[in-house]
C-alpha atoms as a PDB file:
ATOM      1  CA  MET A   1      16.636  -7.986   8.209  1.00  0.00           C
ATOM      2  CA  ARG A   2      14.691  -8.520  11.411  1.00  0.00           C
ATOM      3  CA  SER A   3      12.241 -10.844   9.658  1.00  0.00           C
ATOM      4  CA  ILE A   4      15.142 -12.967   8.406  1.00  0.00           C
ATOM      5  CA  VAL A   5      16.519 -13.285  11.930  1.00  0.00           C
ATOM      6  CA  VAL A   6      13.077 -14.220  13.251  1.00  0.00           C
ATOM      7  CA  ALA A   7      12.639 -16.811  10.482  1.00  0.00           C
ATOM      8  CA  ILE A   8      16.043 -18.338  11.218  1.00  0.00           C
ATOM      9  CA  ALA A   9      15.290 -18.464  14.939  1.00  0.00           C
ATOM     10  CA  ALA A  10      11.927 -20.115  14.271  1.00  0.00           C
ATOM     11  CA  LEU A  11      13.515 -22.680  11.980  1.00  0.00           C
ATOM     12  CA  MET A  12      16.177 -23.456  14.575  1.00  0.00           C
ATOM     13  CA  ALA A  13      13.481 -23.913  17.206  1.00  0.00           C
ATOM     14  CA  ILE A  14      11.552 -26.257  14.952  1.00  0.00           C
ATOM     15  CA  THR A  15      14.694 -28.231  14.146  1.00  0.00           C
ATOM     16  CA  GLY A  16      15.670 -28.473  17.777  1.00  0.00           C
ATOM     17  CA  SER A  17      12.238 -29.581  18.919  1.00  0.00           C
ATOM     18  CA  ALA A  18      11.992 -32.311  16.285  1.00  0.00           C
ATOM     19  CA  ARG A  19      15.422 -33.642  17.157  1.00  0.00           C
ATOM     20  CA  ALA A  20      14.779 -33.286  20.878  1.00  0.00           C
ATOM     21  CA  ALA A  21      11.637 -35.350  20.510  1.00  0.00           C
ATOM     22  CA  GLY A  22      13.706 -38.036  18.796  1.00  0.00           C
ATOM     23  CA  GLU A  23      11.584 -38.019  15.667  1.00  0.00           C
ATOM     24  CA  LYS A  24      12.871 -40.374  12.992  1.00  0.00           C
ATOM     25  CA  ALA A  25      12.073 -40.982   9.349  1.00  0.00           C
ATOM     26  CA  ASP A  26       8.580 -42.242   8.637  1.00  0.00           C
ATOM     27  CA  PRO A  27       8.639 -46.025   8.021  1.00  0.00           C
ATOM     28  CA  ARG A  28       6.509 -45.579   4.890  1.00  0.00           C
ATOM     29  CA  ALA A  29       9.179 -43.292   3.456  1.00  0.00           C
ATOM     30  CA  LEU A  30      11.848 -45.862   4.244  1.00  0.00           C
ATOM     31  CA  ASP A  31       9.807 -48.614   2.571  1.00  0.00           C
ATOM     32  CA  TYR A  32       9.353 -46.435  -0.514  1.00  0.00           C
ATOM     33  CA  CYS A  33      13.067 -45.675  -0.735  1.00  0.00           C
ATOM     34  CA  LYS A  34      14.068 -49.302  -0.248  1.00  0.00           C
ATOM     35  CA  ALA A  35      11.674 -50.327  -3.014  1.00  0.00           C
ATOM     36  CA  THR A  36      12.832 -47.669  -5.486  1.00  0.00           C
ATOM     37  CA  THR A  37      16.597 -47.536  -4.918  1.00  0.00           C
ATOM     38  CA  GLY A  38      19.251 -50.198  -5.068  1.00  0.00           C
ATOM     39  CA  THR A  39      21.673 -49.351  -2.273  1.00  0.00           C
ATOM     40  CA  PHE A  40      21.905 -47.755   1.144  1.00  0.00           C
ATOM     41  CA  VAL A  41      23.355 -44.682  -0.579  1.00  0.00           C
ATOM     42  CA  GLY A  42      20.221 -44.518  -2.717  1.00  0.00           C
ATOM     43  CA  VAL A  43      18.055 -44.843   0.385  1.00  0.00           C
ATOM     44  CA  ALA A  44      20.033 -42.070   2.099  1.00  0.00           C
ATOM     45  CA  ASP A  45      19.511 -39.785  -0.903  1.00  0.00           C
ATOM     46  CA  CYS A  46      15.825 -40.655  -1.203  1.00  0.00           C
ATOM     47  CA  LEU A  47      14.780 -40.602   2.449  1.00  0.00           C
ATOM     48  CA  PRO A  48      14.633 -36.844   3.205  1.00  0.00           C
ATOM     49  CA  ASN A  49      12.324 -36.115   0.262  1.00  0.00           C
ATOM     50  CA  ALA A  50      10.274 -39.284   0.746  1.00  0.00           C
ATOM     51  CA  HIS A  51       9.761 -38.446   4.438  1.00  0.00           C
ATOM     52  CA  LEU A  52       8.745 -34.913   3.491  1.00  0.00           C
ATOM     53  CA  ALA A  53       6.324 -36.290   0.890  1.00  0.00           C
ATOM     54  CA  VAL A  54       4.690 -38.738   3.308  1.00  0.00           C
ATOM     55  CA  LYS A  55       4.277 -36.076   5.993  1.00  0.00           C
ATOM     56  CA  THR A  56       2.988 -33.539   3.461  1.00  0.00           C
ATOM     57  CA  LEU A  57       0.345 -35.951   2.206  1.00  0.00           C
ATOM     58  CA  ASP A  58      -0.628 -36.886   5.776  1.00  0.00           C
ATOM     59  CA  ALA A  59      -1.056 -33.212   6.664  1.00  0.00           C
ATOM     60  CA  PHE A  60      -3.022 -32.567   3.475  1.00  0.00           C
ATOM     61  CA  GLU A  61      -5.408 -35.399   4.326  1.00  0.00           C
ATOM     62  CA  LYS A  62      -5.945 -34.056   7.860  1.00  0.00           C
ATOM     63  CA  LEU A  63      -6.212 -30.355   6.992  1.00  0.00           C
ATOM     64  CA  TYR A  64      -8.189 -30.170   3.775  1.00  0.00           C
ATOM     65  CA  PRO A  65     -11.917 -30.920   3.411  1.00  0.00           C
ATOM     66  CA  GLU A  66     -13.318 -33.928   1.581  1.00  0.00           C
ATOM     67  CA  PRO A  67     -13.664 -32.273  -1.853  1.00  0.00           C
ATOM     68  CA  ALA A  68      -9.906 -31.575  -1.813  1.00  0.00           C
ATOM     69  CA  GLN A  69      -9.087 -35.250  -1.438  1.00  0.00           C
ATOM     70  CA  ALA A  70      -9.902 -35.747  -5.123  1.00  0.00           C
ATOM     71  CA  LEU A  71      -6.734 -33.758  -5.831  1.00  0.00           C
ATOM     72  CA  ARG A  72      -4.608 -36.216  -3.884  1.00  0.00           C
ATOM     73  CA  THR A  73      -6.293 -39.187  -5.549  1.00  0.00           C
ATOM     74  CA  LYS A  74      -5.748 -37.786  -9.048  1.00  0.00           C
ATOM     75  CA  CYS A  75      -2.123 -36.874  -8.268  1.00  0.00           C
ATOM     76  CA  ALA A  76      -1.477 -40.396  -6.962  1.00  0.00           C
ATOM     77  CA  GLU A  77      -2.979 -41.886 -10.126  1.00  0.00           C
ATOM     78  CA  ARG A  78      -0.946 -39.618 -12.402  1.00  0.00           C
ATOM     79  CA  ASN A  79       2.290 -40.315 -10.528  1.00  0.00           C
ATOM     80  CA  GLU A  80       1.797 -44.095 -10.377  1.00  0.00           C
ATOM     81  CA  GLY A  81       3.256 -44.972  -6.978  1.00  0.00           C
ATOM     82  CA  ASN A  82       5.823 -42.162  -6.875  1.00  0.00           C
ATOM     83  CA  ILE A  83       5.082 -40.689  -3.451  1.00  0.00           C
ATOM     84  CA  ILE A  84       7.488 -37.799  -3.958  1.00  0.00           C
ATOM     85  CA  GLY A  85       5.838 -36.978  -7.287  1.00  0.00           C
ATOM     86  CA  THR A  86       2.393 -37.252  -5.722  1.00  0.00           C
ATOM     87  CA  ALA A  87       3.289 -34.743  -3.007  1.00  0.00           C
ATOM     88  CA  ALA A  88       4.834 -32.369  -5.559  1.00  0.00           C
ATOM     89  CA  CYS A  89       1.696 -32.638  -7.694  1.00  0.00           C
ATOM     90  CA  VAL A  90      -0.513 -31.791  -4.709  1.00  0.00           C
ATOM     91  CA  THR A  91       1.568 -28.857  -3.474  1.00  0.00           C
ATOM     92  CA  GLU A  92       2.007 -27.365  -6.945  1.00  0.00           C
ATOM     93  CA  ALA A  93      -1.732 -27.638  -7.621  1.00  0.00           C
ATOM     94  CA  ILE A  94      -2.415 -25.848  -4.333  1.00  0.00           C
ATOM     95  CA  ARG A  95       0.032 -23.115  -5.305  1.00  0.00           C
ATOM     96  CA  ALA A  96      -1.687 -22.757  -8.698  1.00  0.00           C
ATOM     97  CA  ALA A  97      -5.107 -22.558  -7.023  1.00  0.00           C
ATOM     98  CA  LEU A  98      -3.920 -19.881  -4.603  1.00  0.00           C
ATOM     99  CA  ASP A  99      -2.375 -17.845  -7.429  1.00  0.00           C
ATOM    100  CA  LEU A 100      -5.536 -18.152  -9.501  1.00  0.00           C
ATOM    101  CA  LYS A 101      -7.791 -17.197  -6.594  1.00  0.00           C
ATOM    102  CA  GLU A 102      -5.702 -14.086  -6.004  1.00  0.00           C
ATOM    103  CA  ALA A 103      -6.046 -13.091  -9.676  1.00  0.00           C
ATOM    104  CA  LEU A 104      -9.813 -13.602  -9.886  1.00  0.00           C
ATOM    105  CA  PRO A 105     -12.198 -10.696  -9.394  1.00  0.00           C
ATOM    106  CA  THR A 106     -13.760 -10.616  -5.940  1.00  0.00           C
ATOM    107  CA  GLY A 107     -16.760 -12.901  -5.674  1.00  0.00           C
ATOM    108  CA  THR A 108     -15.829 -14.997  -8.712  1.00  0.00           C
ATOM    109  CA  THR A 109     -16.254 -18.747  -8.456  1.00  0.00           C
ATOM    110  CA  LEU A 110     -15.169 -21.474 -10.843  1.00  0.00           C
ATOM    111  CA  ASP A 111     -17.869 -23.978  -9.901  1.00  0.00           C
ATOM    112  CA  ASP A 112     -15.043 -26.443  -9.213  1.00  0.00           C
ATOM    113  CA  PRO A 113     -15.273 -28.082  -5.777  1.00  0.00           C
ATOM    114  CA  VAL A 114     -11.595 -29.104  -5.805  1.00  0.00           C
ATOM    115  CA  PHE A 115     -10.493 -25.536  -6.552  1.00  0.00           C
ATOM    116  CA  GLU A 116     -12.755 -24.160  -3.838  1.00  0.00           C
ATOM    117  CA  ALA A 117     -11.388 -26.690  -1.332  1.00  0.00           C
ATOM    118  CA  VAL A 118      -7.673 -26.183  -2.025  1.00  0.00           C
ATOM    119  CA  SER A 119      -7.586 -22.419  -2.556  1.00  0.00           C
ATOM    120  CA  ASP A 120      -7.819 -21.614   1.154  1.00  0.00           C
ATOM    121  CA  SER A 121      -4.673 -19.669   2.073  1.00  0.00           C
ATOM    122  CA  ALA A 122      -5.058 -20.410   5.798  1.00  0.00           C
ATOM    123  CA  LEU A 123      -4.911 -24.145   5.110  1.00  0.00           C
ATOM    124  CA  SER A 124      -1.905 -23.625   2.853  1.00  0.00           C
ATOM    125  CA  VAL A 125      -0.039 -21.904   5.689  1.00  0.00           C
ATOM    126  CA  LYS A 126      -0.767 -24.863   7.976  1.00  0.00           C
ATOM    127  CA  LEU A 127       0.417 -27.290   5.292  1.00  0.00           C
ATOM    128  CA  ASP A 128       3.637 -25.290   4.908  1.00  0.00           C
ATOM    129  CA  GLU A 129       4.158 -25.479   8.676  1.00  0.00           C
ATOM    130  CA  ALA A 130       3.754 -29.264   8.573  1.00  0.00           C
ATOM    131  CA  LYS A 131       6.280 -29.452   5.731  1.00  0.00           C
ATOM    132  CA  GLU A 132       8.816 -27.396   7.687  1.00  0.00           C
ATOM    133  CA  SER A 133       8.341 -29.661  10.686  1.00  0.00           C
ATOM    134  CA  ALA A 134       8.963 -32.715   8.497  1.00  0.00           C
ATOM    135  CA  LYS A 135      12.139 -31.154   7.094  1.00  0.00           C
ATOM    136  CA  ALA A 136      13.461 -30.730  10.639  1.00  0.00           C
ATOM    137  CA  VAL A 137      13.947 -34.497  10.920  1.00  0.00           C
ATOM    138  CA  PHE A 138      16.747 -34.092   8.369  1.00  0.00           C
ATOM    139  CA  PRO A 139      18.527 -30.882   9.427  1.00  0.00           C
ATOM    140  CA  ASN A 140      21.382 -31.594   7.028  1.00  0.00           C
ATOM    141  CA  GLY A 141      18.957 -32.476   4.248  1.00  0.00           C
ATOM    142  CA  ARG A 142      20.004 -31.918   0.704  1.00  0.00           C
ATOM    143  CA  ALA A 143      17.992 -29.876  -1.761  1.00  0.00           C
ATOM    144  CA  TRP A 144      14.301 -30.269  -0.977  1.00  0.00           C
ATOM    145  CA  GLY A 145      12.182 -31.016  -3.990  1.00  0.00           C
ATOM    146  CA  GLY A 146      13.469 -30.983  -7.537  1.00  0.00           C
ATOM    147  CA  SER A 147      11.651 -34.222  -8.284  1.00  0.00           C
ATOM    148  CA  SER A 148      10.019 -34.920 -11.605  1.00  0.00           C
ATOM    149  CA  TYR A 149       6.288 -35.447 -11.381  1.00  0.00           C
ATOM    150  CA  MET A 150       3.105 -35.481 -13.401  1.00  0.00           C
ATOM    151  CA  PRO A 151       1.022 -32.384 -12.622  1.00  0.00           C
ATOM    152  CA  TYR A 152      -2.667 -32.309 -11.731  1.00  0.00           C
ATOM    153  CA  LYS A 153      -4.888 -32.025 -14.783  1.00  0.00           C
END
């Protein structure tokens, strides 16, 4: 119970600090939503997830080493301009890498530089923190995620 209270307090602090700083939607997210939807209602529905996607991909680029960037490139190619799908592809591939790394015997390697680069749990925690910060821009945001995407292969 205590951990839930702490998590709620932390989320409220993050939300408050983002709003206090006057952070707004990323212009790239707005451009994406305007290009892919037909009305202001469509933009309003699209913008929270597009903003989250843009900020997630920015954080990924800053946090992860060069070999990991091949993941982002491949996800962008597979999702053909769908920024929300690209971000989902990246985050789901990271989750798969972390799960696989946990299941492997100690000392096992896959001789895959992308896997080695994205299976760092400390970087994943930092990416999750960046995602939570991005969500704070839309405190009344609808369901996060749920987008269709092409997975990393």
